[in-house]
Amino acid sequence: MVGTALRLVDEHGSQAFSLRMLADALNSGTATLYRHFDGKDEIMAYVVDRVLGEVDADAPATASDWREALTVTARGLHDTLRRHPNTLPLLMAYVPVGPLALARRERVLAALLEHGLPVDLAARAFTSVTHYAIGFAVQQYGPGAAPDHSTELADFYGGLDPASYPALLRAARSLTSVALDEEFEFGLALLVRGLAQSAP
């Protein structure tokens, strides 16, 4: 049922999803669904859990140090959300506490602790890279995400008044020439390096 619900969210979006839609896809009735779930909210929480369960939670354990563990954690989540962009609003609406999400959180935190991070820093590092990956995915793939307008934006910046926007004109090429995936990697590296300043 949850797998079918995820497929429907992928195809139609979480706003359009309904119990009737799921029941029809399962050749069932909504009464049957209510025997398993309290309603749409519970199903959506399980959909979020299923998506997070697709992230390779074992990869951080094979990393050479905590920096690599955090990096593969963020990349894995970002790549998974790229495959399921219609679930991004759900990640902003539901705290992921399902069994798959908890197992992922447990394994990543265990890897960070095993690599020597103090517990408080491990917890903050985990939440920081998780929020970073989700936020970046929302910008890239979420509802209303804009297509690449870098050429038009560069032209727009180029036409600005140099007396009013001298710094913006100097930085125009740098602001518009970097692909979002490269920006993701750059920001992630900055985040990990910043966390390293707090590590023992």
Foldseek 3Di string as FASTA:
>chain_A
DLVLQLVCCQVPFLVPDALCVSCVVVVHDSVVVVVPDVGSLRSLLVNVLVLLLQQPLQVLLPDPALLVLLVSNLVSSLVSCVSRQRSLVVVVVDDNDDPSNVVSVVSSLVSNVVRPFPNVLSVVSNVVSNVLSSVLSCCCRYPPNDDQPLVVQLVVLCPDDCVVPVPCVVCSCVVRVDDSVVVSVVVSVVSSVVSVVVGD
